[in-house]
PDB file of N, CA and C in Angstrom:
ATOM      1  N   MET A   1       9.578   9.709  -2.393  1.00  0.00           N
ATOM      2  CA  MET A   1       8.641   9.419  -1.180  1.00  0.00           C
ATOM      3  C   MET A   1       7.316   9.850  -1.433  1.00  0.00           C
ATOM      4  N   LEU A   2       6.054   9.436  -1.271  1.00  0.00           N
ATOM      5  CA  LEU A   2       4.396   9.759  -1.709  1.00  0.00           C
ATOM      6  C   LEU A   2       3.993  10.417  -0.077  1.00  0.00           C
ATOM      7  N   TYR A   3       3.529  11.664  -0.156  1.00  0.00           N
ATOM      8  CA  TYR A   3       2.631  12.145   0.889  1.00  0.00           C
ATOM      9  C   TYR A   3       1.326  12.488   0.798  1.00  0.00           C
ATOM     10  N   THR A   4       0.554  11.973   1.504  1.00  0.00           N
ATOM     11  CA  THR A   4      -0.968  11.881   1.350  1.00  0.00           C
ATOM     12  C   THR A   4      -1.857  12.016   2.322  1.00  0.00           C
ATOM     13  N   GLN A   5      -2.812  13.007   2.312  1.00  0.00           N
ATOM     14  CA  GLN A   5      -3.900  12.907   3.495  1.00  0.00           C
ATOM     15  C   GLN A   5      -4.747  12.048   3.451  1.00  0.00           C
ATOM     16  N   PRO A   6      -5.387  10.888   3.923  1.00  0.00           N
ATOM     17  CA  PRO A   6      -6.324  10.140   3.075  1.00  0.00           C
ATOM     18  C   PRO A   6      -7.709  10.680   3.304  1.00  0.00           C
ATOM     19  N   THR A   7      -7.588  11.439   4.265  1.00  0.00           N
ATOM     20  CA  THR A   7      -9.187  12.049   4.797  1.00  0.00           C
ATOM     21  C   THR A   7      -9.359  13.371   4.876  1.00  0.00           C
ATOM     22  N   SER A   8      -8.759  13.805   4.039  1.00  0.00           N
ATOM     23  CA  SER A   8      -8.555  15.905   4.102  1.00  0.00           C
ATOM     24  C   SER A   8     -10.181  16.412   4.291  1.00  0.00           C
ATOM     25  N   GLY A   9     -10.041  17.251   5.274  1.00  0.00           N
ATOM     26  CA  GLY A   9     -11.070  17.968   5.697  1.00  0.00           C
ATOM     27  C   GLY A   9     -11.786  17.348   6.838  1.00  0.00           C
ATOM     28  N   ILE A  10     -11.640  16.290   6.878  1.00  0.00           N
ATOM     29  CA  ILE A  10     -11.873  15.204   7.835  1.00  0.00           C
ATOM     30  C   ILE A  10     -11.360  15.025   9.359  1.00  0.00           C
ATOM     31  N   SER A  11      -9.827  14.893   8.849  1.00  0.00           N
ATOM     32  CA  SER A  11      -9.153  14.334   9.813  1.00  0.00           C
ATOM     33  C   SER A  11      -7.392  15.276   9.594  1.00  0.00           C
ATOM     34  N   ASP A  12      -6.640  15.485  10.357  1.00  0.00           N
ATOM     35  CA  ASP A  12      -5.139  15.819   9.915  1.00  0.00           C
ATOM     36  C   ASP A  12      -4.162  14.418  10.095  1.00  0.00           C
ATOM     37  N   SER A  13      -4.675  13.524   9.701  1.00  0.00           N
ATOM     38  CA  SER A  13      -4.048  11.799   9.122  1.00  0.00           C
ATOM     39  C   SER A  13      -3.353  12.173   8.223  1.00  0.00           C
ATOM     40  N   GLU A  14      -1.413  12.166   8.262  1.00  0.00           N
ATOM     41  CA  GLU A  14      -0.650  12.119   7.392  1.00  0.00           C
ATOM     42  C   GLU A  14      -0.003  11.029   7.014  1.00  0.00           C
ATOM     43  N   HIS A  15       0.255  10.707   5.780  1.00  0.00           N
ATOM     44  CA  HIS A  15       0.446   9.482   5.490  1.00  0.00           C
ATOM     45  C   HIS A  15       1.829   9.779   4.609  1.00  0.00           C
ATOM     46  N   HIS A  16       3.073   9.106   5.183  1.00  0.00           N
ATOM     47  CA  HIS A  16       4.148   9.266   4.151  1.00  0.00           C
ATOM     48  C   HIS A  16       4.458   7.908   3.696  1.00  0.00           C
ATOM     49  N   ILE A  17       4.256   7.808   2.119  1.00  0.00           N
ATOM     50  CA  ILE A  17       4.852   6.184   1.737  1.00  0.00           C
ATOM     51  C   ILE A  17       6.362   6.287   0.942  1.00  0.00           C
ATOM     52  N   PHE A  18       6.927   5.334   1.428  1.00  0.00           N
ATOM     53  CA  PHE A  18       8.657   5.263   0.952  1.00  0.00           C
ATOM     54  C   PHE A  18       8.208   3.746  -0.102  1.00  0.00           C
ATOM     55  N   ARG A  19       9.246   4.357  -1.009  1.00  0.00           N
ATOM     56  CA  ARG A  19       9.773   3.204  -2.162  1.00  0.00           C
ATOM     57  C   ARG A  19      10.531   2.655  -1.779  1.00  0.00           C
ATOM     58  N   ALA A  20      10.780   1.052  -1.996  1.00  0.00           N
ATOM     59  CA  ALA A  20      12.014   0.633  -1.867  1.00  0.00           C
ATOM     60  C   ALA A  20      12.502  -0.130  -3.046  1.00  0.00           C
ATOM     61  N   ASP A  21      13.457  -0.553  -3.678  1.00  0.00           N
ATOM     62  CA  ASP A  21      13.892  -1.267  -4.597  1.00  0.00           C
ATOM     63  C   ASP A  21      13.805  -2.887  -4.537  1.00  0.00           C
ATOM     64  N   SER A  22      14.061  -3.158  -3.177  1.00  0.00           N
ATOM     65  CA  SER A  22      14.301  -4.391  -3.087  1.00  0.00           C
ATOM     66  C   SER A  22      13.469  -4.513  -1.284  1.00  0.00           C
ATOM     67  N   ALA A  23      12.761  -6.018  -1.233  1.00  0.00           N
ATOM     68  CA  ALA A  23      12.567  -6.294   0.369  1.00  0.00           C
ATOM     69  C   ALA A  23      12.713  -7.509   0.293  1.00  0.00           C
ATOM     70  N   ARG A  24      12.830  -8.131   1.981  1.00  0.00           N
ATOM     71  CA  ARG A  24      12.638  -9.596   1.918  1.00  0.00           C
ATOM     72  C   ARG A  24      12.002  -9.443   3.303  1.00  0.00           C
ATOM     73  N   TYR A  25      11.359 -10.860   3.644  1.00  0.00           N
ATOM     74  CA  TYR A  25      10.706 -11.488   4.407  1.00  0.00           C
ATOM     75  C   TYR A  25      11.489 -11.644   5.799  1.00  0.00           C
ATOM     76  N   ILE A  26      11.570 -10.716   6.722  1.00  0.00           N
ATOM     77  CA  ILE A  26      12.009 -11.578   7.944  1.00  0.00           C
ATOM     78  C   ILE A  26      10.765 -11.920   8.813  1.00  0.00           C
ATOM     79  N   GLY A  27      10.009 -11.926   8.890  1.00  0.00           N
ATOM     80  CA  GLY A  27       8.953 -13.124   9.815  1.00  0.00           C
ATOM     81  C   GLY A  27       7.646 -12.047  10.070  1.00  0.00           C
ATOM     82  N   PRO A  28       6.483 -13.031  10.561  1.00  0.00           N
ATOM     83  CA  PRO A  28       5.170 -12.508  10.653  1.00  0.00           C
ATOM     84  C   PRO A  28       5.130 -11.095  11.253  1.00  0.00           C
ATOM     85  N   PRO A  29       4.315 -10.185  11.656  1.00  0.00           N
ATOM     86  CA  PRO A  29       4.283  -9.053  12.557  1.00  0.00           C
ATOM     87  C   PRO A  29       4.268  -9.289  13.783  1.00  0.00           C
ATOM     88  N   THR A  30       5.038  -7.920  14.232  1.00  0.00           N
ATOM     89  CA  THR A  30       5.136  -8.609  15.972  1.00  0.00           C
ATOM     90  C   THR A  30       4.268  -7.880  16.219  1.00  0.00           C
ATOM     91  N   GLU A  31       2.905  -7.157  16.163  1.00  0.00           N
ATOM     92  CA  GLU A  31       1.498  -6.997  16.585  1.00  0.00           C
ATOM     93  C   GLU A  31       0.419  -7.321  15.598  1.00  0.00           C
ATOM     94  N   ALA A  32      -0.594  -7.970  16.514  1.00  0.00           N
ATOM     95  CA  ALA A  32      -1.590  -8.393  15.659  1.00  0.00           C
ATOM     96  C   ALA A  32      -2.201  -7.478  15.216  1.00  0.00           C
ATOM     97  N   TRP A  33      -2.156  -6.176  15.579  1.00  0.00           N
ATOM     98  CA  TRP A  33      -3.073  -5.061  14.782  1.00  0.00           C
ATOM     99  C   TRP A  33      -2.598  -4.782  13.306  1.00  0.00           C
ATOM    100  N   GLU A  34      -1.065  -5.154  13.106  1.00  0.00           N
ATOM    101  CA  GLU A  34      -0.728  -4.849  11.913  1.00  0.00           C
ATOM    102  C   GLU A  34      -1.087  -5.106  10.243  1.00  0.00           C
ATOM    103  N   SER A  35      -1.677  -6.517  10.609  1.00  0.00           N
ATOM    104  CA  SER A  35      -2.107  -6.922   9.518  1.00  0.00           C
ATOM    105  C   SER A  35      -2.690  -7.768   9.700  1.00  0.00           C
ATOM    106  N   GLU A  36      -3.757  -7.914   8.499  1.00  0.00           N
ATOM    107  CA  GLU A  36      -4.879  -9.220   8.735  1.00  0.00           C
ATOM    108  C   GLU A  36      -4.243 -10.400   7.589  1.00  0.00           C
ATOM    109  N   ARG A  37      -3.421 -10.289   6.902  1.00  0.00           N
ATOM    110  CA  ARG A  37      -2.649 -11.102   6.013  1.00  0.00           C
ATOM    111  C   ARG A  37      -1.706  -9.983   4.897  1.00  0.00           C
ATOM    112  N   ILE A  38      -0.857 -11.192   4.763  1.00  0.00           N
ATOM    113  CA  ILE A  38       0.309 -10.541   4.308  1.00  0.00           C
ATOM    114  C   ILE A  38       0.563 -11.284   3.415  1.00  0.00           C
ATOM    115  N   GLU A  39       0.981 -10.682   1.979  1.00  0.00           N
ATOM    116  CA  GLU A  39       1.233 -11.504   0.731  1.00  0.00           C
ATOM    117  C   GLU A  39       1.841 -10.917  -0.348  1.00  0.00           C
ATOM    118  N   TRP A  40       3.017 -11.429  -0.176  1.00  0.00           N
ATOM    119  CA  TRP A  40       3.888 -10.838  -1.850  1.00  0.00           C
ATOM    120  C   TRP A  40       2.965 -11.096  -3.383  1.00  0.00           C
ATOM    121  N   VAL A  41       3.191  -9.914  -3.739  1.00  0.00           N
ATOM    122  CA  VAL A  41       2.207  -9.862  -5.011  1.00  0.00           C
ATOM    123  C   VAL A  41       3.151  -9.080  -6.026  1.00  0.00           C
ATOM    124  N   PRO A  42       3.579  -9.742  -7.363  1.00  0.00           N
ATOM    125  CA  PRO A  42       4.088  -8.865  -8.026  1.00  0.00           C
ATOM    126  C   PRO A  42       3.341  -7.706  -8.614  1.00  0.00           C
ATOM    127  N   LEU A  43       4.106  -6.692  -9.041  1.00  0.00           N
ATOM    128  CA  LEU A  43       3.285  -5.470  -9.659  1.00  0.00           C
ATOM    129  C   LEU A  43       2.659  -5.479 -10.654  1.00  0.00           C
ATOM    130  N   THR A  44       3.204  -6.900 -11.412  1.00  0.00           N
ATOM    131  CA  THR A  44       2.326  -6.828 -12.901  1.00  0.00           C
ATOM    132  C   THR A  44       0.756  -7.174 -12.334  1.00  0.00           C
ATOM    133  N   ASP A  45       0.028  -8.116 -10.962  1.00  0.00           N
ATOM    134  CA  ASP A  45      -1.046  -8.185 -10.651  1.00  0.00           C
ATOM    135  C   ASP A  45      -1.991  -7.121  -9.989  1.00  0.00           C
ATOM    136  N   ILE A  46      -1.338  -6.204  -9.683  1.00  0.00           N
ATOM    137  CA  ILE A  46      -1.639  -4.733  -9.046  1.00  0.00           C
ATOM    138  C   ILE A  46      -3.303  -4.272  -9.867  1.00  0.00           C
ATOM    139  N   ARG A  47      -2.879  -4.034 -11.485  1.00  0.00           N
ATOM    140  CA  ARG A  47      -4.283  -3.864 -11.779  1.00  0.00           C
ATOM    141  C   ARG A  47      -5.176  -4.699 -11.564  1.00  0.00           C
ATOM    142  N   ARG A  48      -5.041  -6.125 -11.636  1.00  0.00           N
ATOM    143  CA  ARG A  48      -6.083  -6.982 -11.790  1.00  0.00           C
ATOM    144  C   ARG A  48      -6.616  -7.100 -10.215  1.00  0.00           C
ATOM    145  N   LEU A  49      -6.060  -6.464  -9.185  1.00  0.00           N
ATOM    146  CA  LEU A  49      -6.633  -6.727  -8.106  1.00  0.00           C
ATOM    147  C   LEU A  49      -7.354  -5.689  -7.695  1.00  0.00           C
ATOM    148  N   ILE A  50      -6.889  -4.680  -8.533  1.00  0.00           N
ATOM    149  CA  ILE A  50      -7.524  -3.514  -8.040  1.00  0.00           C
ATOM    150  C   ILE A  50      -8.747  -3.150  -8.943  1.00  0.00           C
ATOM    151  N   ASP A  51      -8.950  -3.880 -10.060  1.00  0.00           N
ATOM    152  CA  ASP A  51     -10.363  -3.970 -10.806  1.00  0.00           C
ATOM    153  C   ASP A  51     -11.212  -4.876 -10.471  1.00  0.00           C
ATOM    154  N   LYS A  52     -10.799  -5.915  -9.577  1.00  0.00           N
ATOM    155  CA  LYS A  52     -11.469  -7.065  -8.903  1.00  0.00           C
ATOM    156  C   LYS A  52     -11.987  -6.010  -7.787  1.00  0.00           C
ATOM    157  N   ARG A  53     -11.369  -5.245  -7.206  1.00  0.00           N
ATOM    158  CA  ARG A  53     -11.947  -4.747  -5.780  1.00  0.00           C
ATOM    159  C   ARG A  53     -10.781  -5.433  -4.567  1.00  0.00           C
ATOM    160  N   ASP A  54      -9.984  -5.937  -4.858  1.00  0.00           N
ATOM    161  CA  ASP A  54      -9.553  -6.527  -4.020  1.00  0.00           C
ATOM    162  C   ASP A  54      -8.582  -5.860  -3.179  1.00  0.00           C
ATOM    163  N   LEU A  55      -8.023  -4.779  -3.752  1.00  0.00           N
ATOM    164  CA  LEU A  55      -7.362  -3.549  -3.244  1.00  0.00           C
ATOM    165  C   LEU A  55      -8.152  -1.849  -3.299  1.00  0.00           C
ATOM    166  N   VAL A  56      -8.780  -1.865  -2.050  1.00  0.00           N
ATOM    167  CA  VAL A  56      -9.747  -0.481  -1.935  1.00  0.00           C
ATOM    168  C   VAL A  56      -9.126   0.935  -1.309  1.00  0.00           C
ATOM    169  N   SER A  57      -8.266   0.518   0.140  1.00  0.00           N
ATOM    170  CA  SER A  57      -7.982   1.124   0.968  1.00  0.00           C
ATOM    171  C   SER A  57      -7.288   2.390   0.096  1.00  0.00           C
ATOM    172  N   GLY A  58      -7.794   3.387   0.551  1.00  0.00           N
ATOM    173  CA  GLY A  58      -7.222   4.634  -0.056  1.00  0.00           C
ATOM    174  C   GLY A  58      -5.593   4.637   0.010  1.00  0.00           C
ATOM    175  N   THR A  59      -4.640   4.674   1.368  1.00  0.00           N
ATOM    176  CA  THR A  59      -3.452   4.988   1.263  1.00  0.00           C
ATOM    177  C   THR A  59      -2.814   3.811   0.530  1.00  0.00           C
ATOM    178  N   SER A  60      -3.168   2.282   0.414  1.00  0.00           N
ATOM    179  CA  SER A  60      -3.052   1.225  -0.272  1.00  0.00           C
ATOM    180  C   SER A  60      -2.836   1.858  -1.818  1.00  0.00           C
ATOM    181  N   MET A  61      -3.795   2.474  -2.241  1.00  0.00           N
ATOM    182  CA  MET A  61      -4.336   2.916  -3.265  1.00  0.00           C
ATOM    183  C   MET A  61      -3.330   3.710  -4.124  1.00  0.00           C
ATOM    184  N   ASN A  62      -3.160   4.890  -3.266  1.00  0.00           N
ATOM    185  CA  ASN A  62      -2.208   5.867  -3.240  1.00  0.00           C
ATOM    186  C   ASN A  62      -1.008   4.947  -4.110  1.00  0.00           C
ATOM    187  N   ALA A  63      -0.154   4.414  -3.137  1.00  0.00           N
ATOM    188  CA  ALA A  63       0.643   3.636  -3.013  1.00  0.00           C
ATOM    189  C   ALA A  63       0.906   2.970  -4.335  1.00  0.00           C
ATOM    190  N   LEU A  64       0.329   1.904  -4.415  1.00  0.00           N
ATOM    191  CA  LEU A  64       0.300   1.187  -5.405  1.00  0.00           C
ATOM    192  C   LEU A  64       0.111   1.730  -7.017  1.00  0.00           C
ATOM    193  N   LEU A  65      -0.751   3.050  -7.219  1.00  0.00           N
ATOM    194  CA  LEU A  65      -0.713   3.386  -8.393  1.00  0.00           C
ATOM    195  C   LEU A  65       0.551   4.319  -8.500  1.00  0.00           C
ATOM    196  N   TYR A  66       1.153   5.063  -7.606  1.00  0.00           N
ATOM    197  CA  TYR A  66       2.298   5.779  -7.557  1.00  0.00           C
ATOM    198  C   TYR A  66       3.748   4.785  -8.162  1.00  0.00           C
ATOM    199  N   ALA A  67       3.338   3.571  -7.008  1.00  0.00           N
ATOM    200  CA  ALA A  67       4.420   2.356  -8.162  1.00  0.00           C
ATOM    201  C   ALA A  67       4.301   2.163  -9.435  1.00  0.00           C
ATOM    202  N   LEU A  68       3.143   2.025  -9.644  1.00  0.00           N
ATOM    203  CA  LEU A  68       2.637   1.526 -11.032  1.00  0.00           C
ATOM    204  C   LEU A  68       3.282   2.931 -11.955  1.00  0.00           C
ATOM    205  N   THR A  69       3.175   4.091 -11.724  1.00  0.00           N
ATOM    206  CA  THR A  69       3.630   5.100 -12.844  1.00  0.00           C
ATOM    207  C   THR A  69       5.099   5.158 -12.592  1.00  0.00           C
ATOM    208  N   GLU A  70       5.424   4.614 -11.919  1.00  0.00           N
ATOM    209  CA  GLU A  70       7.255   4.538 -11.552  1.00  0.00           C
ATOM    210  C   GLU A  70       7.548   3.249 -12.318  1.00  0.00           C
ATOM    211  N   ALA A  71       6.867   2.140 -12.382  1.00  0.00           N
ATOM    212  CA  ALA A  71       7.276   0.960 -12.985  1.00  0.00           C
ATOM    213  C   ALA A  71       8.096   1.082 -14.534  1.00  0.00           C
TER     214      ALA A  71
END
């Protein structure tokens, strides 16, 4: 598990990020606000998406960079 405070000093928001070794798609989000888009992306594509600035969210970046160090 990874713990992060994405806006430390500004907000007391806490994010807990869990890693899974497998996943399966079970359907679209049940709430419209959950996601603008869902896409399965291989770990090998993460660096390219970061370099292109397609991934910029602080919490997502923390999770993905952590995943890359564990791969």
